[in-house]
Amino acid sequence: MGFADQSVWRVTGGNFFDFVYSTVASTANGVTSVELVSLGIVTLMLTPYFRVIAAAFYYGIEKDWKYVAITTFVFAVITTALFVF
């Protein structure tokens, strides 16, 4: 089965979180080349997202409230961008 033979391309419509859900849900039926590429995209896109979450928790544990505020702002910007685009 070639790359062009895939029946559904999941990169159109919806926001990024819809894309993540549809990609993860589609792997229950088996992983094709499109799902593998999609999982790679999801991993690359979510890496900085989870890094910001981890940084906010770390700064909260350290009680560095200035950096908690900055990191929370960055988290809000990234989340908004993933919902809009």
PDB file of N, CA and C in Angstrom:
ATOM      1  N   MET A   1       0.844  -1.172   0.000  1.00  0.00           N
ATOM      2  CA  MET A   1       0.000   0.000   0.000  1.00  0.00           C
ATOM      3  C   MET A   1       0.894   1.241   0.000  1.00  0.00           C
ATOM      4  N   GLY A   2       0.706   2.066  -0.969  1.00  0.00           N
ATOM      5  CA  GLY A   2       1.515   3.256  -1.082  1.00  0.00           C
ATOM      6  C   GLY A   2       0.991   4.404  -0.245  1.00  0.00           C
ATOM      7  N   PHE A   3       1.783   5.435  -0.159  1.00  0.00           N
ATOM      8  CA  PHE A   3       1.425   6.614   0.630  1.00  0.00           C
ATOM      9  C   PHE A   3       0.200   7.308   0.054  1.00  0.00           C
ATOM     10  N   ALA A   4       0.034   7.320  -1.254  1.00  0.00           N
ATOM     11  CA  ALA A   4      -1.106   7.979  -1.894  1.00  0.00           C
ATOM     12  C   ALA A   4      -2.384   7.152  -1.781  1.00  0.00           C
ATOM     13  N   ASP A   5      -2.258   5.892  -1.399  1.00  0.00           N
ATOM     14  CA  ASP A   5      -3.424   5.024  -1.295  1.00  0.00           C
ATOM     15  C   ASP A   5      -4.195   5.183   0.014  1.00  0.00           C
ATOM     16  N   GLN A   6      -3.704   6.006   0.914  1.00  0.00           N
ATOM     17  CA  GLN A   6      -4.383   6.164   2.201  1.00  0.00           C
ATOM     18  C   GLN A   6      -5.748   6.812   2.000  1.00  0.00           C
ATOM     19  N   SER A   7      -6.733   6.328   2.723  1.00  0.00           N
ATOM     20  CA  SER A   7      -8.108   6.773   2.498  1.00  0.00           C
ATOM     21  C   SER A   7      -8.422   8.102   3.150  1.00  0.00           C
ATOM     22  N   VAL A   8      -7.765   8.430   4.256  1.00  0.00           N
ATOM     23  CA  VAL A   8      -8.118   9.646   4.989  1.00  0.00           C
ATOM     24  C   VAL A   8      -6.853  10.418   5.338  1.00  0.00           C
ATOM     25  N   TRP A   9      -6.858  11.681   5.001  1.00  0.00           N
ATOM     26  CA  TRP A   9      -5.807  12.586   5.455  1.00  0.00           C
ATOM     27  C   TRP A   9      -6.383  13.406   6.592  1.00  0.00           C
ATOM     28  N   ARG A  10      -5.796  13.352   7.750  1.00  0.00           N
ATOM     29  CA  ARG A  10      -6.355  13.984   8.936  1.00  0.00           C
ATOM     30  C   ARG A  10      -5.810  15.376   9.206  1.00  0.00           C
ATOM     31  N   VAL A  11      -5.126  15.984   8.287  1.00  0.00           N
ATOM     32  CA  VAL A  11      -4.524  17.281   8.542  1.00  0.00           C
ATOM     33  C   VAL A  11      -5.406  18.431   8.071  1.00  0.00           C
ATOM     34  N   THR A  12      -6.619  18.165   7.650  1.00  0.00           N
ATOM     35  CA  THR A  12      -7.501  19.228   7.199  1.00  0.00           C
ATOM     36  C   THR A  12      -8.618  19.437   8.206  1.00  0.00           C
ATOM     37  N   GLY A  13      -8.955  20.696   8.454  1.00  0.00           N
ATOM     38  CA  GLY A  13     -10.067  21.035   9.329  1.00  0.00           C
ATOM     39  C   GLY A  13      -9.767  20.811  10.791  1.00  0.00           C
ATOM     40  N   GLY A  14     -10.525  21.467  11.636  1.00  0.00           N
ATOM     41  CA  GLY A  14     -10.378  21.297  13.075  1.00  0.00           C
ATOM     42  C   GLY A  14      -9.139  21.974  13.616  1.00  0.00           C
ATOM     43  N   ASN A  15      -8.975  21.887  14.915  1.00  0.00           N
ATOM     44  CA  ASN A  15      -7.782  22.446  15.536  1.00  0.00           C
ATOM     45  C   ASN A  15      -6.777  21.333  15.825  1.00  0.00           C
ATOM     46  N   PHE A  16      -5.682  21.690  16.452  1.00  0.00           N
ATOM     47  CA  PHE A  16      -4.615  20.726  16.679  1.00  0.00           C
ATOM     48  C   PHE A  16      -5.051  19.611  17.622  1.00  0.00           C
ATOM     49  N   PHE A  17      -5.851  19.944  18.633  1.00  0.00           N
ATOM     50  CA  PHE A  17      -6.278  18.928  19.579  1.00  0.00           C
ATOM     51  C   PHE A  17      -7.230  17.922  18.941  1.00  0.00           C
ATOM     52  N   ASP A  18      -8.026  18.354  17.961  1.00  0.00           N
ATOM     53  CA  ASP A  18      -8.834  17.414  17.174  1.00  0.00           C
ATOM     54  C   ASP A  18      -7.929  16.488  16.363  1.00  0.00           C
ATOM     55  N   PHE A  19      -6.870  17.051  15.817  1.00  0.00           N
ATOM     56  CA  PHE A  19      -5.896  16.272  15.060  1.00  0.00           C
ATOM     57  C   PHE A  19      -5.227  15.224  15.948  1.00  0.00           C
ATOM     58  N   VAL A  20      -4.852  15.621  17.169  1.00  0.00           N
ATOM     59  CA  VAL A  20      -4.226  14.684  18.104  1.00  0.00           C
ATOM     60  C   VAL A  20      -5.194  13.553  18.434  1.00  0.00           C
ATOM     61  N   TYR A  21      -6.429  13.905  18.750  1.00  0.00           N
ATOM     62  CA  TYR A  21      -7.427  12.881  19.109  1.00  0.00           C
ATOM     63  C   TYR A  21      -7.666  11.916  17.944  1.00  0.00           C
ATOM     64  N   SER A  22      -7.862  12.451  16.749  1.00  0.00           N
ATOM     65  CA  SER A  22      -8.130  11.568  15.609  1.00  0.00           C
ATOM     66  C   SER A  22      -6.925  10.692  15.273  1.00  0.00           C
ATOM     67  N   THR A  23      -5.721  11.210  15.455  1.00  0.00           N
ATOM     68  CA  THR A  23      -4.518  10.425  15.173  1.00  0.00           C
ATOM     69  C   THR A  23      -4.368   9.287  16.168  1.00  0.00           C
ATOM     70  N   VAL A  24      -4.542   9.593  17.450  1.00  0.00           N
ATOM     71  CA  VAL A  24      -4.400   8.556  18.479  1.00  0.00           C
ATOM     72  C   VAL A  24      -5.519   7.532  18.359  1.00  0.00           C
ATOM     73  N   ALA A  25      -6.736   7.992  18.080  1.00  0.00           N
ATOM     74  CA  ALA A  25      -7.856   7.065  17.943  1.00  0.00           C
ATOM     75  C   ALA A  25      -7.691   6.158  16.726  1.00  0.00           C
ATOM     76  N   SER A  26      -7.098   6.662  15.659  1.00  0.00           N
ATOM     77  CA  SER A  26      -6.956   5.860  14.444  1.00  0.00           C
ATOM     78  C   SER A  26      -5.901   4.767  14.586  1.00  0.00           C
ATOM     79  N   THR A  27      -5.004   4.896  15.545  1.00  0.00           N
ATOM     80  CA  THR A  27      -3.982   3.868  15.720  1.00  0.00           C
ATOM     81  C   THR A  27      -4.551   2.606  16.349  1.00  0.00           C
ATOM     82  N   ALA A  28      -5.785   2.642  16.847  1.00  0.00           N
ATOM     83  CA  ALA A  28      -6.408   1.441  17.409  1.00  0.00           C
ATOM     84  C   ALA A  28      -6.659   0.398  16.326  1.00  0.00           C
ATOM     85  N   ASN A  29      -6.824   0.845  15.087  1.00  0.00           N
ATOM     86  CA  ASN A  29      -7.072  -0.069  13.969  1.00  0.00           C
ATOM     87  C   ASN A  29      -5.798  -0.562  13.316  1.00  0.00           C
ATOM     88  N   GLY A  30      -4.664  -0.116  13.783  1.00  0.00           N
ATOM     89  CA  GLY A  30      -3.393  -0.475  13.177  1.00  0.00           C
ATOM     90  C   GLY A  30      -2.693   0.776  12.681  1.00  0.00           C
ATOM     91  N   VAL A  31      -1.398   0.713  12.614  1.00  0.00           N
ATOM     92  CA  VAL A  31      -0.606   1.878  12.243  1.00  0.00           C
ATOM     93  C   VAL A  31      -0.196   1.769  10.781  1.00  0.00           C
ATOM     94  N   THR A  32      -0.634   2.737   9.991  1.00  0.00           N
ATOM     95  CA  THR A  32      -0.205   2.824   8.599  1.00  0.00           C
ATOM     96  C   THR A  32       0.853   3.916   8.493  1.00  0.00           C
ATOM     97  N   SER A  33       1.330   4.142   7.294  1.00  0.00           N
ATOM     98  CA  SER A  33       2.362   5.161   7.110  1.00  0.00           C
ATOM     99  C   SER A  33       1.844   6.551   7.454  1.00  0.00           C
ATOM    100  N   VAL A  34       0.585   6.836   7.159  1.00  0.00           N
ATOM    101  CA  VAL A  34       0.017   8.150   7.474  1.00  0.00           C
ATOM    102  C   VAL A  34      -0.088   8.337   8.985  1.00  0.00           C
ATOM    103  N   GLU A  35      -0.549   7.301   9.701  1.00  0.00           N
ATOM    104  CA  GLU A  35      -0.631   7.403  11.155  1.00  0.00           C
ATOM    105  C   GLU A  35       0.748   7.564  11.779  1.00  0.00           C
ATOM    106  N   LEU A  36       1.737   6.893  11.227  1.00  0.00           N
ATOM    107  CA  LEU A  36       3.093   7.008  11.764  1.00  0.00           C
ATOM    108  C   LEU A  36       3.626   8.419  11.594  1.00  0.00           C
ATOM    109  N   VAL A  37       3.431   8.998  10.426  1.00  0.00           N
ATOM    110  CA  VAL A  37       3.856  10.383  10.196  1.00  0.00           C
ATOM    111  C   VAL A  37       3.062  11.335  11.088  1.00  0.00           C
ATOM    112  N   SER A  38       1.760  11.091  11.223  1.00  0.00           N
ATOM    113  CA  SER A  38       0.922  11.934  12.071  1.00  0.00           C
ATOM    114  C   SER A  38       1.347  11.853  13.526  1.00  0.00           C
ATOM    115  N   LEU A  39       1.685  10.660  14.002  1.00  0.00           N
ATOM    116  CA  LEU A  39       2.174  10.528  15.378  1.00  0.00           C
ATOM    117  C   LEU A  39       3.492  11.269  15.577  1.00  0.00           C
ATOM    118  N   GLY A  40       4.337  11.281  14.574  1.00  0.00           N
ATOM    119  CA  GLY A  40       5.574  12.053  14.653  1.00  0.00           C
ATOM    120  C   GLY A  40       5.303  13.539  14.741  1.00  0.00           C
ATOM    121  N   ILE A  41       4.345  14.022  13.964  1.00  0.00           N
ATOM    122  CA  ILE A  41       3.975  15.439  14.014  1.00  0.00           C
ATOM    123  C   ILE A  41       3.400  15.786  15.376  1.00  0.00           C
ATOM    124  N   VAL A  42       2.532  14.920  15.887  1.00  0.00           N
ATOM    125  CA  VAL A  42       1.938  15.152  17.213  1.00  0.00           C
ATOM    126  C   VAL A  42       3.028  15.212  18.280  1.00  0.00           C
ATOM    127  N   THR A  43       3.973  14.289  18.229  1.00  0.00           N
ATOM    128  CA  THR A  43       5.058  14.267  19.209  1.00  0.00           C
ATOM    129  C   THR A  43       5.893  15.537  19.144  1.00  0.00           C
ATOM    130  N   LEU A  44       6.243  15.948  17.942  1.00  0.00           N
ATOM    131  CA  LEU A  44       7.048  17.154  17.795  1.00  0.00           C
ATOM    132  C   LEU A  44       6.304  18.409  18.238  1.00  0.00           C
ATOM    133  N   MET A  45       5.013  18.469  17.980  1.00  0.00           N
ATOM    134  CA  MET A  45       4.231  19.647  18.363  1.00  0.00           C
ATOM    135  C   MET A  45       3.970  19.690  19.866  1.00  0.00           C
ATOM    136  N   LEU A  46       3.787  18.544  20.512  1.00  0.00           N
ATOM    137  CA  LEU A  46       3.470  18.533  21.934  1.00  0.00           C
ATOM    138  C   LEU A  46       4.705  18.622  22.837  1.00  0.00           C
ATOM    139  N   THR A  47       5.895  18.409  22.300  1.00  0.00           N
ATOM    140  CA  THR A  47       7.103  18.480  23.118  1.00  0.00           C
ATOM    141  C   THR A  47       7.270  19.843  23.786  1.00  0.00           C
ATOM    142  N   PRO A  48       7.226  20.972  23.065  1.00  0.00           N
ATOM    143  CA  PRO A  48       7.355  22.255  23.762  1.00  0.00           C
ATOM    144  C   PRO A  48       6.160  22.546  24.665  1.00  0.00           C
ATOM    145  N   TYR A  49       4.991  22.047  24.304  1.00  0.00           N
ATOM    146  CA  TYR A  49       3.792  22.259  25.113  1.00  0.00           C
ATOM    147  C   TYR A  49       3.979  21.628  26.497  1.00  0.00           C
ATOM    148  N   PHE A  50       4.420  20.368  26.541  1.00  0.00           N
ATOM    149  CA  PHE A  50       4.643  19.706  27.821  1.00  0.00           C
ATOM    150  C   PHE A  50       5.862  20.261  28.550  1.00  0.00           C
ATOM    151  N   ARG A  51       6.804  20.779  27.821  1.00  0.00           N
ATOM    152  CA  ARG A  51       7.977  21.398  28.437  1.00  0.00           C
ATOM    153  C   ARG A  51       7.573  22.655  29.204  1.00  0.00           C
ATOM    154  N   VAL A  52       6.653  23.420  28.665  1.00  0.00           N
ATOM    155  CA  VAL A  52       6.164  24.630  29.345  1.00  0.00           C
ATOM    156  C   VAL A  52       5.368  24.243  30.590  1.00  0.00           C
ATOM    157  N   ILE A  53       4.572  23.192  30.505  1.00  0.00           N
ATOM    158  CA  ILE A  53       3.825  22.721  31.674  1.00  0.00           C
ATOM    159  C   ILE A  53       4.791  22.280  32.782  1.00  0.00           C
ATOM    160  N   ALA A  54       5.827  21.534  32.415  1.00  0.00           N
ATOM    161  CA  ALA A  54       6.812  21.082  33.392  1.00  0.00           C
ATOM    162  C   ALA A  54       7.548  22.263  34.015  1.00  0.00           C
ATOM    163  N   ALA A  55       7.869  23.263  33.207  1.00  0.00           N
ATOM    164  CA  ALA A  55       8.558  24.440  33.733  1.00  0.00           C
ATOM    165  C   ALA A  55       7.678  25.204  34.722  1.00  0.00           C
ATOM    166  N   ALA A  56       6.385  25.318  34.422  1.00  0.00           N
ATOM    167  CA  ALA A  56       5.469  26.009  35.338  1.00  0.00           C
ATOM    168  C   ALA A  56       5.395  25.275  36.671  1.00  0.00           C
ATOM    169  N   PHE A  57       5.301  23.947  36.640  1.00  0.00           N
ATOM    170  CA  PHE A  57       5.295  23.175  37.883  1.00  0.00           C
ATOM    171  C   PHE A  57       6.607  23.337  38.645  1.00  0.00           C
ATOM    172  N   TYR A  58       7.712  23.303  37.928  1.00  0.00           N
ATOM    173  CA  TYR A  58       9.016  23.454  38.581  1.00  0.00           C
ATOM    174  C   TYR A  58       9.132  24.817  39.261  1.00  0.00           C
ATOM    175  N   TYR A  59       8.775  25.874  38.549  1.00  0.00           N
ATOM    176  CA  TYR A  59       8.860  27.207  39.148  1.00  0.00           C
ATOM    177  C   TYR A  59       7.877  27.356  40.302  1.00  0.00           C
ATOM    178  N   GLY A  60       6.740  26.673  40.243  1.00  0.00           N
ATOM    179  CA  GLY A  60       5.806  26.695  41.362  1.00  0.00           C
ATOM    180  C   GLY A  60       6.369  26.007  42.586  1.00  0.00           C
ATOM    181  N   ILE A  61       7.037  24.886  42.383  1.00  0.00           N
ATOM    182  CA  ILE A  61       7.673  24.181  43.502  1.00  0.00           C
ATOM    183  C   ILE A  61       8.774  25.036  44.111  1.00  0.00           C
ATOM    184  N   GLU A  62       9.517  25.737  43.261  1.00  0.00           N
ATOM    185  CA  GLU A  62      10.597  26.614  43.728  1.00  0.00           C
ATOM    186  C   GLU A  62      10.078  27.940  44.279  1.00  0.00           C
ATOM    187  N   LYS A  63       8.773  28.183  44.145  1.00  0.00           N
ATOM    188  CA  LYS A  63       8.115  29.413  44.589  1.00  0.00           C
ATOM    189  C   LYS A  63       8.708  30.665  43.950  1.00  0.00           C
ATOM    190  N   ASP A  64       9.042  30.533  42.682  1.00  0.00           N
ATOM    191  CA  ASP A  64       9.527  31.671  41.887  1.00  0.00           C
ATOM    192  C   ASP A  64       8.342  32.197  41.078  1.00  0.00           C
ATOM    193  N   TRP A  65       7.553  33.056  41.707  1.00  0.00           N
ATOM    194  CA  TRP A  65       6.255  33.455  41.177  1.00  0.00           C
ATOM    195  C   TRP A  65       6.365  34.288  39.909  1.00  0.00           C
ATOM    196  N   LYS A  66       7.458  35.017  39.745  1.00  0.00           N
ATOM    197  CA  LYS A  66       7.634  35.789  38.515  1.00  0.00           C
ATOM    198  C   LYS A  66       7.721  34.853  37.302  1.00  0.00           C
ATOM    199  N   TYR A  67       8.487  33.792  37.432  1.00  0.00           N
ATOM    200  CA  TYR A  67       8.631  32.854  36.318  1.00  0.00           C
ATOM    201  C   TYR A  67       7.395  31.962  36.152  1.00  0.00           C
ATOM    202  N   VAL A  68       6.669  31.740  37.243  1.00  0.00           N
ATOM    203  CA  VAL A  68       5.390  31.032  37.115  1.00  0.00           C
ATOM    204  C   VAL A  68       4.448  31.853  36.253  1.00  0.00           C
ATOM    205  N   ALA A  69       4.400  33.171  36.490  1.00  0.00           N
ATOM    206  CA  ALA A  69       3.528  34.051  35.707  1.00  0.00           C
ATOM    207  C   ALA A  69       3.954  34.091  34.243  1.00  0.00           C
ATOM    208  N   ILE A  70       5.245  34.200  33.996  1.00  0.00           N
ATOM    209  CA  ILE A  70       5.748  34.250  32.620  1.00  0.00           C
ATOM    210  C   ILE A  70       5.455  32.931  31.903  1.00  0.00           C
ATOM    211  N   THR A  71       5.722  31.814  32.573  1.00  0.00           N
ATOM    212  CA  THR A  71       5.500  30.507  31.973  1.00  0.00           C
ATOM    213  C   THR A  71       4.015  30.245  31.735  1.00  0.00           C
ATOM    214  N   THR A  72       3.174  30.702  32.645  1.00  0.00           N
ATOM    215  CA  THR A  72       1.734  30.555  32.457  1.00  0.00           C
ATOM    216  C   THR A  72       1.257  31.370  31.259  1.00  0.00           C
ATOM    217  N   PHE A  73       1.821  32.558  31.083  1.00  0.00           N
ATOM    218  CA  PHE A  73       1.486  33.364  29.910  1.00  0.00           C
ATOM    219  C   PHE A  73       1.907  32.649  28.627  1.00  0.00           C
ATOM    220  N   VAL A  74       3.106  32.093  28.612  1.00  0.00           N
ATOM    221  CA  VAL A  74       3.583  31.353  27.437  1.00  0.00           C
ATOM    222  C   VAL A  74       2.688  30.141  27.181  1.00  0.00           C
ATOM    223  N   PHE A  75       2.280  29.454  28.239  1.00  0.00           N
ATOM    224  CA  PHE A  75       1.367  28.324  28.108  1.00  0.00           C
ATOM    225  C   PHE A  75       0.045  28.759  27.485  1.00  0.00           C
ATOM    226  N   ALA A  76      -0.485  29.892  27.917  1.00  0.00           N
ATOM    227  CA  ALA A  76      -1.743  30.402  27.359  1.00  0.00           C
ATOM    228  C   ALA A  76      -1.590  30.746  25.881  1.00  0.00           C
ATOM    229  N   VAL A  77      -0.471  31.327  25.505  1.00  0.00           N
ATOM    230  CA  VAL A  77      -0.229  31.675  24.099  1.00  0.00           C
ATOM    231  C   VAL A  77      -0.125  30.417  23.239  1.00  0.00           C
ATOM    232  N   ILE A  78       0.614  29.427  23.712  1.00  0.00           N
ATOM    233  CA  ILE A  78       0.764  28.190  22.945  1.00  0.00           C
ATOM    234  C   ILE A  78      -0.577  27.473  22.822  1.00  0.00           C
ATOM    235  N   THR A  79      -1.343  27.424  23.911  1.00  0.00           N
ATOM    236  CA  THR A  79      -2.646  26.759  23.876  1.00  0.00           C
ATOM    237  C   THR A  79      -3.587  27.466  22.904  1.00  0.00           C
ATOM    238  N   THR A  80      -3.603  28.796  22.952  1.00  0.00           N
ATOM    239  CA  THR A  80      -4.439  29.553  22.024  1.00  0.00           C
ATOM    240  C   THR A  80      -4.032  29.297  20.579  1.00  0.00           C
ATOM    241  N   ALA A  81      -2.730  29.268  20.331  1.00  0.00           N
ATOM    242  CA  ALA A  81      -2.251  29.025  18.969  1.00  0.00           C
ATOM    243  C   ALA A  81      -2.640  27.627  18.484  1.00  0.00           C
ATOM    244  N   LEU A  82      -2.587  26.636  19.366  1.00  0.00           N
ATOM    245  CA  LEU A  82      -2.955  25.274  18.960  1.00  0.00           C
ATOM    246  C   LEU A  82      -4.461  25.139  18.729  1.00  0.00           C
ATOM    247  N   PHE A  83      -5.264  25.926  19.429  1.00  0.00           N
ATOM    248  CA  PHE A  83      -6.708  25.878  19.192  1.00  0.00           C
ATOM    249  C   PHE A  83      -7.080  26.621  17.910  1.00  0.00           C
ATOM    250  N   VAL A  84      -6.412  27.734  17.638  1.00  0.00           N
ATOM    251  CA  VAL A  84      -6.771  28.561  16.491  1.00  0.00           C
ATOM    252  C   VAL A  84      -6.253  27.963  15.194  1.00  0.00           C
ATOM    253  N   PHE A  85      -5.011  27.492  15.196  1.00  0.00           N
ATOM    254  CA  PHE A  85      -4.406  27.020  13.965  1.00  0.00           C
ATOM    255  C   PHE A  85      -4.519  25.559  13.890  1.00  0.00           C
TER     256      PHE A  85
END
